[in-house]
Structures are given as structure tokens and as C-alpha cells.
Amino acid sequence: MTGTDLFSGFSRQTPAFFAELAKNNTKLWFDEHRADFQAHVMTPAQMFVEAMGARLTAIAPDIIADPASTGPSSVSNRDVRFSNDKTPYKTHLAFWFWEGGRPRMENSGFYFHIEPTAS
């Protein structure tokens, strides 16, 4: 089975994880909840990318929907070098499906975003 077959939606635990991360945005907390992150964020996010990519090909046949580069990793460490906000982790999940041969952010595409209060 592929992620296309398995994805049935994000659970309530996905935005709940980000709500807790927003309250406890430290490396220690994140390391202690890494299994929750994998189970409630990364695994369903990878399945979402496969499922949505398959659906988007109906309107954008050359869409790039690669779970490794389309978004689940966007919960990685934030770049805090030039920011007043030094919290280390992003508190949302973002997906970018693009179409074209240029670097991904130089192409048109589709964006999807999940955070505790909105999507």
C-alpha cells in the first residue's frame, strides 16, 4: 500500500502537537516528544503529500509531490540568526507542491498549511 491508499486525513493530534510545541518550544521538549512528532505529524504528512500529489496531477500533470522535499520536513529548526524570535521550531506544517523545472520556489504551485488555530 502507498500513502495514497492509506491517508484518511490528519488527526486531532496533529494540531494538538503544534499547540503543545508552541507552549514548550525547546529542544528538550521536542526531543522528549519526538515519537509523537513522528506518529502524528511526519507519517501522516508524508502520506498526505503522496495522496494530494496523485490528486493534483489531474489539474497539474507535472506537479512535483515528493514527500522528502514537498513539506513534512518544514517542522525543522527555524533559522533564528536574523530573528528576534529565538524559538527553535516552527509551530506549523507547510506543504509546497510545485510545477516546473526551475528551483521549487521559482515555480507556480499549490500551498497547504496546518497550525493549531487554522489551516
PDB file of N, CA and C in Angstrom:
ATOM      1  N   MET A   1       0.827  -1.195   0.000  1.00  0.00           N
ATOM      2  CA  MET A   1       0.000   0.000   0.000  1.00  0.00           C
ATOM      3  C   MET A   1       0.865   1.249   0.000  1.00  0.00           C
ATOM      4  N   THR A   2       0.387   2.266  -0.635  1.00  0.00           N
ATOM      5  CA  THR A   2       1.113   3.540  -0.664  1.00  0.00           C
ATOM      6  C   THR A   2       0.421   4.531   0.259  1.00  0.00           C
ATOM      7  N   GLY A   3       1.041   5.670   0.445  1.00  0.00           N
ATOM      8  CA  GLY A   3       0.425   6.735   1.232  1.00  0.00           C
ATOM      9  C   GLY A   3      -0.881   7.188   0.628  1.00  0.00           C
ATOM     10  N   THR A   4      -1.011   7.076  -0.699  1.00  0.00           N
ATOM     11  CA  THR A   4      -2.247   7.440  -1.375  1.00  0.00           C
ATOM     12  C   THR A   4      -3.382   6.573  -0.880  1.00  0.00           C
ATOM     13  N   ASP A   5      -3.116   5.294  -0.667  1.00  0.00           N
ATOM     14  CA  ASP A   5      -4.134   4.369  -0.200  1.00  0.00           C
ATOM     15  C   ASP A   5      -4.419   4.537   1.294  1.00  0.00           C
ATOM     16  N   LEU A   6      -3.432   4.958   2.051  1.00  0.00           N
ATOM     17  CA  LEU A   6      -3.543   4.968   3.499  1.00  0.00           C
ATOM     18  C   LEU A   6      -4.016   6.284   4.096  1.00  0.00           C
ATOM     19  N   PHE A   7      -3.836   7.394   3.410  1.00  0.00           N
ATOM     20  CA  PHE A   7      -4.150   8.687   4.001  1.00  0.00           C
ATOM     21  C   PHE A   7      -5.650   8.890   4.114  1.00  0.00           C
ATOM     22  N   SER A   8      -6.112   9.123   5.333  1.00  0.00           N
ATOM     23  CA  SER A   8      -7.538   9.377   5.546  1.00  0.00           C
ATOM     24  C   SER A   8      -7.776  10.707   6.254  1.00  0.00           C
ATOM     25  N   GLY A   9      -6.738  11.514   6.347  1.00  0.00           N
ATOM     26  CA  GLY A   9      -6.857  12.823   6.975  1.00  0.00           C
ATOM     27  C   GLY A   9      -5.922  12.946   8.157  1.00  0.00           C
ATOM     28  N   PHE A  10      -5.695  14.171   8.570  1.00  0.00           N
ATOM     29  CA  PHE A  10      -4.893  14.414   9.761  1.00  0.00           C
ATOM     30  C   PHE A  10      -5.778  14.227  10.983  1.00  0.00           C
ATOM     31  N   SER A  11      -5.204  13.720  12.036  1.00  0.00           N
ATOM     32  CA  SER A  11      -5.970  13.523  13.267  1.00  0.00           C
ATOM     33  C   SER A  11      -5.935  14.795  14.107  1.00  0.00           C
ATOM     34  N   ARG A  12      -6.713  14.806  15.154  1.00  0.00           N
ATOM     35  CA  ARG A  12      -6.713  15.941  16.083  1.00  0.00           C
ATOM     36  C   ARG A  12      -5.359  16.078  16.774  1.00  0.00           C
ATOM     37  N   GLN A  13      -4.587  14.988  16.803  1.00  0.00           N
ATOM     38  CA  GLN A  13      -3.281  15.041  17.448  1.00  0.00           C
ATOM     39  C   GLN A  13      -2.287  15.896  16.671  1.00  0.00           C
ATOM     40  N   THR A  14      -2.504  16.085  15.375  1.00  0.00           N
ATOM     41  CA  THR A  14      -1.565  16.886  14.579  1.00  0.00           C
ATOM     42  C   THR A  14      -1.560  18.342  15.049  1.00  0.00           C
ATOM     43  N   PRO A  15      -2.694  19.053  15.015  1.00  0.00           N
ATOM     44  CA  PRO A  15      -2.645  20.431  15.520  1.00  0.00           C
ATOM     45  C   PRO A  15      -2.388  20.487  17.024  1.00  0.00           C
ATOM     46  N   ALA A  16      -2.800  19.452  17.760  1.00  0.00           N
ATOM     47  CA  ALA A  16      -2.535  19.426  19.207  1.00  0.00           C
ATOM     48  C   ALA A  16      -1.033  19.373  19.478  1.00  0.00           C
ATOM     49  N   PHE A  17      -0.297  18.618  18.659  1.00  0.00           N
ATOM     50  CA  PHE A  17       1.153  18.570  18.816  1.00  0.00           C
ATOM     51  C   PHE A  17       1.740  19.968  18.652  1.00  0.00           C
ATOM     52  N   PHE A  18       1.294  20.685  17.630  1.00  0.00           N
ATOM     53  CA  PHE A  18       1.830  22.030  17.389  1.00  0.00           C
ATOM     54  C   PHE A  18       1.421  23.013  18.480  1.00  0.00           C
ATOM     55  N   ALA A  19       0.218  22.860  19.032  1.00  0.00           N
ATOM     56  CA  ALA A  19      -0.208  23.724  20.137  1.00  0.00           C
ATOM     57  C   ALA A  19       0.702  23.520  21.346  1.00  0.00           C
ATOM     58  N   GLU A  20       1.021  22.274  21.643  1.00  0.00           N
ATOM     59  CA  GLU A  20       1.926  21.986  22.756  1.00  0.00           C
ATOM     60  C   GLU A  20       3.344  22.465  22.453  1.00  0.00           C
ATOM     61  N   LEU A  21       3.763  22.288  21.212  1.00  0.00           N
ATOM     62  CA  LEU A  21       5.089  22.769  20.825  1.00  0.00           C
ATOM     63  C   LEU A  21       5.180  24.288  20.986  1.00  0.00           C
ATOM     64  N   ALA A  22       4.117  24.999  20.646  1.00  0.00           N
ATOM     65  CA  ALA A  22       4.117  26.456  20.787  1.00  0.00           C
ATOM     66  C   ALA A  22       4.289  26.864  22.251  1.00  0.00           C
ATOM     67  N   LYS A  23       3.737  26.078  23.168  1.00  0.00           N
ATOM     68  CA  LYS A  23       3.857  26.370  24.600  1.00  0.00           C
ATOM     69  C   LYS A  23       5.220  25.953  25.152  1.00  0.00           C
ATOM     70  N   ASN A  24       5.841  24.965  24.515  1.00  0.00           N
ATOM     71  CA  ASN A  24       7.075  24.357  25.030  1.00  0.00           C
ATOM     72  C   ASN A  24       8.128  24.278  23.935  1.00  0.00           C
ATOM     73  N   ASN A  25       8.389  25.374  23.278  1.00  0.00           N
ATOM     74  CA  ASN A  25       9.249  25.352  22.101  1.00  0.00           C
ATOM     75  C   ASN A  25      10.727  25.331  22.507  1.00  0.00           C
ATOM     76  N   THR A  26      11.144  24.146  22.997  1.00  0.00           N
ATOM     77  CA  THR A  26      12.533  23.943  23.399  1.00  0.00           C
ATOM     78  C   THR A  26      13.021  22.618  22.821  1.00  0.00           C
ATOM     79  N   LYS A  27      14.309  22.488  22.693  1.00  0.00           N
ATOM     80  CA  LYS A  27      14.887  21.247  22.199  1.00  0.00           C
ATOM     81  C   LYS A  27      14.585  20.096  23.147  1.00  0.00           C
ATOM     82  N   LEU A  28      14.643  20.328  24.438  1.00  0.00           N
ATOM     83  CA  LEU A  28      14.367  19.285  25.420  1.00  0.00           C
ATOM     84  C   LEU A  28      12.953  18.734  25.241  1.00  0.00           C
ATOM     85  N   TRP A  29      11.961  19.623  25.169  1.00  0.00           N
ATOM     86  CA  TRP A  29      10.575  19.165  24.989  1.00  0.00           C
ATOM     87  C   TRP A  29      10.429  18.413  23.676  1.00  0.00           C
ATOM     88  N   PHE A  30      10.974  18.966  22.602  1.00  0.00           N
ATOM     89  CA  PHE A  30      10.834  18.322  21.301  1.00  0.00           C
ATOM     90  C   PHE A  30      11.477  16.937  21.315  1.00  0.00           C
ATOM     91  N   ASP A  31      12.660  16.825  21.886  1.00  0.00           N
ATOM     92  CA  ASP A  31      13.321  15.518  21.956  1.00  0.00           C
ATOM     93  C   ASP A  31      12.492  14.520  22.751  1.00  0.00           C
ATOM     94  N   GLU A  32      11.852  14.974  23.829  1.00  0.00           N
ATOM     95  CA  GLU A  32      11.014  14.091  24.637  1.00  0.00           C
ATOM     96  C   GLU A  32       9.744  13.665  23.900  1.00  0.00           C
ATOM     97  N   HIS A  33       9.326  14.420  22.896  1.00  0.00           N
ATOM     98  CA  HIS A  33       8.088  14.141  22.154  1.00  0.00           C
ATOM     99  C   HIS A  33       8.348  13.786  20.686  1.00  0.00           C
ATOM    100  N   ARG A  34       9.554  13.365  20.403  1.00  0.00           N
ATOM    101  CA  ARG A  34       9.923  13.020  19.027  1.00  0.00           C
ATOM    102  C   ARG A  34       9.053  11.890  18.463  1.00  0.00           C
ATOM    103  N   ALA A  35       8.697  10.906  19.292  1.00  0.00           N
ATOM    104  CA  ALA A  35       7.837   9.805  18.829  1.00  0.00           C
ATOM    105  C   ALA A  35       6.445  10.326  18.458  1.00  0.00           C
ATOM    106  N   ASP A  36       5.918  11.284  19.242  1.00  0.00           N
ATOM    107  CA  ASP A  36       4.624  11.901  18.905  1.00  0.00           C
ATOM    108  C   ASP A  36       4.728  12.656  17.587  1.00  0.00           C
ATOM    109  N   PHE A  37       5.838  13.366  17.411  1.00  0.00           N
ATOM    110  CA  PHE A  37       6.072  14.098  16.169  1.00  0.00           C
ATOM    111  C   PHE A  37       6.057  13.142  14.977  1.00  0.00           C
ATOM    112  N   GLN A  38       6.748  12.025  15.106  1.00  0.00           N
ATOM    113  CA  GLN A  38       6.801  11.049  14.018  1.00  0.00           C
ATOM    114  C   GLN A  38       5.412  10.473  13.740  1.00  0.00           C
ATOM    115  N   ALA A  39       4.705  10.083  14.795  1.00  0.00           N
ATOM    116  CA  ALA A  39       3.406   9.421  14.632  1.00  0.00           C
ATOM    117  C   ALA A  39       2.303  10.364  14.179  1.00  0.00           C
ATOM    118  N   HIS A  40       2.268  11.575  14.720  1.00  0.00           N
ATOM    119  CA  HIS A  40       1.126  12.471  14.475  1.00  0.00           C
ATOM    120  C   HIS A  40       1.394  13.579  13.472  1.00  0.00           C
ATOM    121  N   VAL A  41       2.668  13.753  13.092  1.00  0.00           N
ATOM    122  CA  VAL A  41       2.995  14.810  12.137  1.00  0.00           C
ATOM    123  C   VAL A  41       3.670  14.223  10.893  1.00  0.00           C
ATOM    124  N   MET A  42       4.846  13.651  11.054  1.00  0.00           N
ATOM    125  CA  MET A  42       5.629  13.223   9.886  1.00  0.00           C
ATOM    126  C   MET A  42       4.963  12.112   9.081  1.00  0.00           C
ATOM    127  N   THR A  43       4.529  11.049   9.730  1.00  0.00           N
ATOM    128  CA  THR A  43       3.943   9.934   8.987  1.00  0.00           C
ATOM    129  C   THR A  43       2.691  10.367   8.227  1.00  0.00           C
ATOM    130  N   PRO A  44       1.710  11.012   8.879  1.00  0.00           N
ATOM    131  CA  PRO A  44       0.549  11.447   8.094  1.00  0.00           C
ATOM    132  C   PRO A  44       0.898  12.516   7.057  1.00  0.00           C
ATOM    133  N   ALA A  45       1.882  13.363   7.344  1.00  0.00           N
ATOM    134  CA  ALA A  45       2.274  14.392   6.374  1.00  0.00           C
ATOM    135  C   ALA A  45       2.848  13.756   5.119  1.00  0.00           C
ATOM    136  N   GLN A  46       3.665  12.745   5.274  1.00  0.00           N
ATOM    137  CA  GLN A  46       4.225  12.058   4.106  1.00  0.00           C
ATOM    138  C   GLN A  46       3.122  11.387   3.293  1.00  0.00           C
ATOM    139  N   MET A  47       2.157  10.779   3.980  1.00  0.00           N
ATOM    140  CA  MET A  47       1.035  10.160   3.266  1.00  0.00           C
ATOM    141  C   MET A  47       0.180  11.218   2.570  1.00  0.00           C
ATOM    142  N   PHE A  48       0.007  12.384   3.217  1.00  0.00           N
ATOM    143  CA  PHE A  48      -0.739  13.480   2.606  1.00  0.00           C
ATOM    144  C   PHE A  48      -0.085  13.920   1.306  1.00  0.00           C
ATOM    145  N   VAL A  49       1.231  14.067   1.312  1.00  0.00           N
ATOM    146  CA  VAL A  49       1.951  14.514   0.113  1.00  0.00           C
ATOM    147  C   VAL A  49       1.718  13.535  -1.029  1.00  0.00           C
ATOM    148  N   GLU A  50       1.814  12.255  -0.756  1.00  0.00           N
ATOM    149  CA  GLU A  50       1.576  11.260  -1.813  1.00  0.00           C
ATOM    150  C   GLU A  50       0.137  11.323  -2.313  1.00  0.00           C
ATOM    151  N   ALA A  51      -0.820  11.383  -1.388  1.00  0.00           N
ATOM    152  CA  ALA A  51      -2.230  11.393  -1.778  1.00  0.00           C
ATOM    153  C   ALA A  51      -2.598  12.667  -2.527  1.00  0.00           C
ATOM    154  N   MET A  52      -2.182  13.820  -2.011  1.00  0.00           N
ATOM    155  CA  MET A  52      -2.512  15.091  -2.666  1.00  0.00           C
ATOM    156  C   MET A  52      -1.783  15.208  -4.000  1.00  0.00           C
ATOM    157  N   GLY A  53      -0.558  14.749  -4.057  1.00  0.00           N
ATOM    158  CA  GLY A  53       0.176  14.774  -5.319  1.00  0.00           C
ATOM    159  C   GLY A  53      -0.545  13.985  -6.399  1.00  0.00           C
ATOM    160  N   ALA A  54      -1.053  12.816  -6.026  1.00  0.00           N
ATOM    161  CA  ALA A  54      -1.787  11.995  -7.001  1.00  0.00           C
ATOM    162  C   ALA A  54      -3.044  12.715  -7.478  1.00  0.00           C
ATOM    163  N   ARG A  55      -3.724  13.409  -6.579  1.00  0.00           N
ATOM    164  CA  ARG A  55      -4.937  14.135  -6.965  1.00  0.00           C
ATOM    165  C   ARG A  55      -4.620  15.369  -7.799  1.00  0.00           C
ATOM    166  N   LEU A  56      -3.553  16.061  -7.452  1.00  0.00           N
ATOM    167  CA  LEU A  56      -3.204  17.278  -8.183  1.00  0.00           C
ATOM    168  C   LEU A  56      -2.782  17.006  -9.619  1.00  0.00           C
ATOM    169  N   THR A  57      -2.315  15.803  -9.911  1.00  0.00           N
ATOM    170  CA  THR A  57      -1.913  15.514 -11.291  1.00  0.00           C
ATOM    171  C   THR A  57      -3.079  15.622 -12.263  1.00  0.00           C
ATOM    172  N   ALA A  58      -4.310  15.568 -11.774  1.00  0.00           N
ATOM    173  CA  ALA A  58      -5.475  15.730 -12.644  1.00  0.00           C
ATOM    174  C   ALA A  58      -5.537  17.141 -13.230  1.00  0.00           C
ATOM    175  N   ILE A  59      -5.057  18.141 -12.484  1.00  0.00           N
ATOM    176  CA  ILE A  59      -5.095  19.522 -12.982  1.00  0.00           C
ATOM    177  C   ILE A  59      -3.712  20.080 -13.276  1.00  0.00           C
ATOM    178  N   ALA A  60      -2.688  19.420 -12.771  1.00  0.00           N
ATOM    179  CA  ALA A  60      -1.306  19.858 -12.997  1.00  0.00           C
ATOM    180  C   ALA A  60      -0.450  18.606 -13.210  1.00  0.00           C
ATOM    181  N   PRO A  61      -0.452  18.067 -14.432  1.00  0.00           N
ATOM    182  CA  PRO A  61       0.190  16.776 -14.693  1.00  0.00           C
ATOM    183  C   PRO A  61       1.667  16.688 -14.320  1.00  0.00           C
ATOM    184  N   ASP A  62       2.380  17.805 -14.299  1.00  0.00           N
ATOM    185  CA  ASP A  62       3.806  17.773 -13.989  1.00  0.00           C
ATOM    186  C   ASP A  62       4.113  18.194 -12.549  1.00  0.00           C
ATOM    187  N   ILE A  63       3.122  18.100 -11.692  1.00  0.00           N
ATOM    188  CA  ILE A  63       3.304  18.523 -10.300  1.00  0.00           C
ATOM    189  C   ILE A  63       4.391  17.695  -9.623  1.00  0.00           C
ATOM    190  N   ILE A  64       5.171  18.332  -8.787  1.00  0.00           N
ATOM    191  CA  ILE A  64       6.188  17.626  -8.016  1.00  0.00           C
ATOM    192  C   ILE A  64       5.649  17.470  -6.600  1.00  0.00           C
ATOM    193  N   ALA A  65       5.434  16.228  -6.206  1.00  0.00           N
ATOM    194  CA  ALA A  65       4.894  15.901  -4.888  1.00  0.00           C
ATOM    195  C   ALA A  65       5.777  14.826  -4.276  1.00  0.00           C
ATOM    196  N   ASP A  66       6.920  15.242  -3.823  1.00  0.00           N
ATOM    197  CA  ASP A  66       7.902  14.338  -3.245  1.00  0.00           C
ATOM    198  C   ASP A  66       7.890  14.517  -1.734  1.00  0.00           C
ATOM    199  N   PRO A  67       7.526  13.473  -0.965  1.00  0.00           N
ATOM    200  CA  PRO A  67       7.471  13.627   0.491  1.00  0.00           C
ATOM    201  C   PRO A  67       8.781  14.130   1.105  1.00  0.00           C
ATOM    202  N   ALA A  68       9.893  13.858   0.475  1.00  0.00           N
ATOM    203  CA  ALA A  68      11.177  14.300   1.021  1.00  0.00           C
ATOM    204  C   ALA A  68      11.424  15.788   0.807  1.00  0.00           C
ATOM    205  N   SER A  69      10.776  16.396  -0.182  1.00  0.00           N
ATOM    206  CA  SER A  69      11.078  17.798  -0.475  1.00  0.00           C
ATOM    207  C   SER A  69       9.858  18.708  -0.541  1.00  0.00           C
ATOM    208  N   THR A  70       8.669  18.168  -0.347  1.00  0.00           N
ATOM    209  CA  THR A  70       7.470  18.969  -0.511  1.00  0.00           C
ATOM    210  C   THR A  70       6.971  19.600   0.777  1.00  0.00           C
ATOM    211  N   GLY A  71       7.419  19.171   1.939  1.00  0.00           N
ATOM    212  CA  GLY A  71       6.961  19.899   3.092  1.00  0.00           C
ATOM    213  C   GLY A  71       7.032  19.274   4.457  1.00  0.00           C
ATOM    214  N   PRO A  72       6.896  17.985   4.635  1.00  0.00           N
ATOM    215  CA  PRO A  72       6.877  17.488   6.008  1.00  0.00           C
ATOM    216  C   PRO A  72       8.098  17.889   6.821  1.00  0.00           C
ATOM    217  N   SER A  73       9.199  18.097   6.160  1.00  0.00           N
ATOM    218  CA  SER A  73      10.400  18.485   6.901  1.00  0.00           C
ATOM    219  C   SER A  73      10.359  19.939   7.338  1.00  0.00           C
ATOM    220  N   SER A  74       9.278  20.655   6.993  1.00  0.00           N
ATOM    221  CA  SER A  74       9.223  22.074   7.314  1.00  0.00           C
ATOM    222  C   SER A  74       9.078  22.344   8.807  1.00  0.00           C
ATOM    223  N   VAL A  75       9.002  21.310   9.603  1.00  0.00           N
ATOM    224  CA  VAL A  75       8.943  21.496  11.050  1.00  0.00           C
ATOM    225  C   VAL A  75      10.357  21.502  11.615  1.00  0.00           C
ATOM    226  N   SER A  76      11.303  21.555  10.749  1.00  0.00           N
ATOM    227  CA  SER A  76      12.696  21.543  11.181  1.00  0.00           C
ATOM    228  C   SER A  76      13.023  22.776  11.999  1.00  0.00           C
ATOM    229  N   ASN A  77      14.246  22.851  12.407  1.00  0.00           N
ATOM    230  CA  ASN A  77      14.697  24.019  13.161  1.00  0.00           C
ATOM    231  C   ASN A  77      14.465  25.284  12.355  1.00  0.00           C
ATOM    232  N   ARG A  78      14.069  26.321  13.047  1.00  0.00           N
ATOM    233  CA  ARG A  78      13.904  27.619  12.407  1.00  0.00           C
ATOM    234  C   ARG A  78      15.273  28.263  12.228  1.00  0.00           C
ATOM    235  N   ASP A  79      15.405  29.089  11.227  1.00  0.00           N
ATOM    236  CA  ASP A  79      16.614  29.889  11.055  1.00  0.00           C
ATOM    237  C   ASP A  79      16.428  31.133  11.918  1.00  0.00           C
ATOM    238  N   VAL A  80      17.098  31.169  13.056  1.00  0.00           N
ATOM    239  CA  VAL A  80      16.900  32.258  14.019  1.00  0.00           C
ATOM    240  C   VAL A  80      18.018  33.296  13.985  1.00  0.00           C
ATOM    241  N   ARG A  81      18.919  33.162  13.043  1.00  0.00           N
ATOM    242  CA  ARG A  81      20.077  34.068  13.009  1.00  0.00           C
ATOM    243  C   ARG A  81      19.686  35.533  12.950  1.00  0.00           C
ATOM    244  N   PHE A  82      18.651  35.870  12.184  1.00  0.00           N
ATOM    245  CA  PHE A  82      18.292  37.276  11.977  1.00  0.00           C
ATOM    246  C   PHE A  82      16.912  37.599  12.545  1.00  0.00           C
ATOM    247  N   SER A  83      16.439  36.769  13.466  1.00  0.00           N
ATOM    248  CA  SER A  83      15.103  36.945  14.017  1.00  0.00           C
ATOM    249  C   SER A  83      15.156  37.324  15.484  1.00  0.00           C
ATOM    250  N   ASN A  84      14.213  38.150  15.900  1.00  0.00           N
ATOM    251  CA  ASN A  84      14.087  38.455  17.323  1.00  0.00           C
ATOM    252  C   ASN A  84      13.474  37.275  18.071  1.00  0.00           C
ATOM    253  N   ASP A  85      12.707  36.448  17.372  1.00  0.00           N
ATOM    254  CA  ASP A  85      12.091  35.256  17.952  1.00  0.00           C
ATOM    255  C   ASP A  85      13.096  34.110  17.867  1.00  0.00           C
ATOM    256  N   LYS A  86      13.618  33.687  18.978  1.00  0.00           N
ATOM    257  CA  LYS A  86      14.660  32.661  19.003  1.00  0.00           C
ATOM    258  C   LYS A  86      14.120  31.262  19.308  1.00  0.00           C
ATOM    259  N   THR A  87      12.787  31.074  19.265  1.00  0.00           N
ATOM    260  CA  THR A  87      12.261  29.723  19.478  1.00  0.00           C
ATOM    261  C   THR A  87      12.775  28.822  18.365  1.00  0.00           C
ATOM    262  N   PRO A  88      13.206  27.591  18.711  1.00  0.00           N
ATOM    263  CA  PRO A  88      13.929  26.778  17.733  1.00  0.00           C
ATOM    264  C   PRO A  88      13.087  26.052  16.679  1.00  0.00           C
ATOM    265  N   TYR A  89      11.781  25.857  16.920  1.00  0.00           N
ATOM    266  CA  TYR A  89      10.997  25.041  15.990  1.00  0.00           C
ATOM    267  C   TYR A  89       9.805  25.797  15.428  1.00  0.00           C
ATOM    268  N   LYS A  90       9.475  25.484  14.190  1.00  0.00           N
ATOM    269  CA  LYS A  90       8.269  26.016  13.574  1.00  0.00           C
ATOM    270  C   LYS A  90       7.069  25.341  14.226  1.00  0.00           C
ATOM    271  N   THR A  91       5.979  26.066  14.386  1.00  0.00           N
ATOM    272  CA  THR A  91       4.793  25.520  15.040  1.00  0.00           C
ATOM    273  C   THR A  91       3.640  25.335  14.049  1.00  0.00           C
ATOM    274  N   HIS A  92       4.005  25.020  12.839  1.00  0.00           N
ATOM    275  CA  HIS A  92       3.017  24.741  11.805  1.00  0.00           C
ATOM    276  C   HIS A  92       3.613  23.727  10.831  1.00  0.00           C
ATOM    277  N   LEU A  93       2.777  23.226   9.979  1.00  0.00           N
ATOM    278  CA  LEU A  93       3.192  22.287   8.950  1.00  0.00           C
ATOM    279  C   LEU A  93       2.834  22.903   7.609  1.00  0.00           C
ATOM    280  N   ALA A  94       3.797  23.013   6.713  1.00  0.00           N
ATOM    281  CA  ALA A  94       3.571  23.661   5.425  1.00  0.00           C
ATOM    282  C   ALA A  94       3.965  22.723   4.293  1.00  0.00           C
ATOM    283  N   PHE A  95       3.178  22.762   3.235  1.00  0.00           N
ATOM    284  CA  PHE A  95       3.433  21.934   2.057  1.00  0.00           C
ATOM    285  C   PHE A  95       3.463  22.822   0.825  1.00  0.00           C
ATOM    286  N   TRP A  96       4.403  22.575  -0.061  1.00  0.00           N
ATOM    287  CA  TRP A  96       4.501  23.306  -1.324  1.00  0.00           C
ATOM    288  C   TRP A  96       4.619  22.275  -2.434  1.00  0.00           C
ATOM    289  N   PHE A  97       3.606  22.200  -3.273  1.00  0.00           N
ATOM    290  CA  PHE A  97       3.607  21.339  -4.458  1.00  0.00           C
ATOM    291  C   PHE A  97       3.843  22.262  -5.643  1.00  0.00           C
ATOM    292  N   TRP A  98       4.888  22.013  -6.401  1.00  0.00           N
ATOM    293  CA  TRP A  98       5.209  22.942  -7.480  1.00  0.00           C
ATOM    294  C   TRP A  98       5.285  22.223  -8.819  1.00  0.00           C
ATOM    295  N   GLU A  99       5.225  23.046  -9.845  1.00  0.00           N
ATOM    296  CA  GLU A  99       5.248  22.533 -11.210  1.00  0.00           C
ATOM    297  C   GLU A  99       6.221  23.388 -12.004  1.00  0.00           C
ATOM    298  N   GLY A 100       7.243  22.761 -12.541  1.00  0.00           N
ATOM    299  CA  GLY A 100       8.205  23.493 -13.351  1.00  0.00           C
ATOM    300  C   GLY A 100       9.611  23.020 -13.116  1.00  0.00           C
ATOM    301  N   GLY A 101      10.506  23.430 -13.992  1.00  0.00           N
ATOM    302  CA  GLY A 101      11.872  22.960 -13.945  1.00  0.00           C
ATOM    303  C   GLY A 101      12.846  23.856 -13.200  1.00  0.00           C
ATOM    304  N   ARG A 102      12.401  25.027 -12.817  1.00  0.00           N
ATOM    305  CA  ARG A 102      13.289  25.923 -12.065  1.00  0.00           C
ATOM    306  C   ARG A 102      13.324  25.493 -10.601  1.00  0.00           C
ATOM    307  N   PRO A 103      14.162  26.133  -9.787  1.00  0.00           N
ATOM    308  CA  PRO A 103      14.133  25.828  -8.352  1.00  0.00           C
ATOM    309  C   PRO A 103      12.711  25.960  -7.807  1.00  0.00           C
ATOM    310  N   ARG A 104      12.368  25.125  -6.855  1.00  0.00           N
ATOM    311  CA  ARG A 104      10.980  24.962  -6.428  1.00  0.00           C
ATOM    312  C   ARG A 104      10.244  26.253  -6.089  1.00  0.00           C
ATOM    313  N   MET A 105      10.877  27.203  -5.450  1.00  0.00           N
ATOM    314  CA  MET A 105      10.175  28.426  -5.069  1.00  0.00           C
ATOM    315  C   MET A 105      10.089  29.444  -6.214  1.00  0.00           C
ATOM    316  N   GLU A 106      10.623  29.097  -7.364  1.00  0.00           N
ATOM    317  CA  GLU A 106      10.521  29.967  -8.541  1.00  0.00           C
ATOM    318  C   GLU A 106       9.456  29.476  -9.507  1.00  0.00           C
ATOM    319  N   ASN A 107       8.634  28.550  -9.073  1.00  0.00           N
ATOM    320  CA  ASN A 107       7.580  27.974  -9.914  1.00  0.00           C
ATOM    321  C   ASN A 107       6.217  28.256  -9.304  1.00  0.00           C
ATOM    322  N   SER A 108       5.193  28.165 -10.147  1.00  0.00           N
ATOM    323  CA  SER A 108       3.838  28.228  -9.611  1.00  0.00           C
ATOM    324  C   SER A 108       3.552  26.904  -8.919  1.00  0.00           C
ATOM    325  N   GLY A 109       2.574  26.922  -8.036  1.00  0.00           N
ATOM    326  CA  GLY A 109       2.264  25.692  -7.335  1.00  0.00           C
ATOM    327  C   GLY A 109       1.092  25.843  -6.395  1.00  0.00           C
ATOM    328  N   PHE A 110       0.992  24.896  -5.481  1.00  0.00           N
ATOM    329  CA  PHE A 110      -0.099  24.826  -4.521  1.00  0.00           C
ATOM    330  C   PHE A 110       0.495  24.773  -3.118  1.00  0.00           C
ATOM    331  N   TYR A 111      -0.105  25.523  -2.194  1.00  0.00           N
ATOM    332  CA  TYR A 111       0.394  25.610  -0.830  1.00  0.00           C
ATOM    333  C   TYR A 111      -0.683  25.132   0.125  1.00  0.00           C
ATOM    334  N   PHE A 112      -0.293  24.371   1.125  1.00  0.00           N
ATOM    335  CA  PHE A 112      -1.201  23.911   2.171  1.00  0.00           C
ATOM    336  C   PHE A 112      -0.492  24.112   3.501  1.00  0.00           C
ATOM    337  N   HIS A 113      -1.252  24.548   4.518  1.00  0.00           N
ATOM    338  CA  HIS A 113      -0.669  24.955   5.791  1.00  0.00           C
ATOM    339  C   HIS A 113      -1.564  24.455   6.928  1.00  0.00           C
ATOM    340  N   ILE A 114      -0.960  23.856   7.960  1.00  0.00           N
ATOM    341  CA  ILE A 114      -1.706  23.447   9.156  1.00  0.00           C
ATOM    342  C   ILE A 114      -1.022  24.061  10.372  1.00  0.00           C
ATOM    343  N   GLU A 115      -1.823  24.666  11.228  1.00  0.00           N
ATOM    344  CA  GLU A 115      -1.338  25.146  12.517  1.00  0.00           C
ATOM    345  C   GLU A 115      -2.468  24.939  13.520  1.00  0.00           C
ATOM    346  N   PRO A 116      -2.209  25.108  14.800  1.00  0.00           N
ATOM    347  CA  PRO A 116      -3.238  24.778  15.801  1.00  0.00           C
ATOM    348  C   PRO A 116      -4.566  25.499  15.623  1.00  0.00           C
ATOM    349  N   THR A 117      -4.552  26.732  15.138  1.00  0.00           N
ATOM    350  CA  THR A 117      -5.792  27.502  15.064  1.00  0.00           C
ATOM    351  C   THR A 117      -6.380  27.643  13.667  1.00  0.00           C
ATOM    352  N   ALA A 118      -5.674  27.155  12.656  1.00  0.00           N
ATOM    353  CA  ALA A 118      -6.166  27.351  11.286  1.00  0.00           C
ATOM    354  C   ALA A 118      -5.462  26.387  10.326  1.00  0.00           C
ATOM    355  N   SER A 119      -6.076  26.267   9.165  1.00  0.00           N
ATOM    356  CA  SER A 119      -5.399  25.530   8.089  1.00  0.00           C
ATOM    357  C   SER A 119      -5.868  26.083   6.766  1.00  0.00           C
TER     358      SER A 119
END
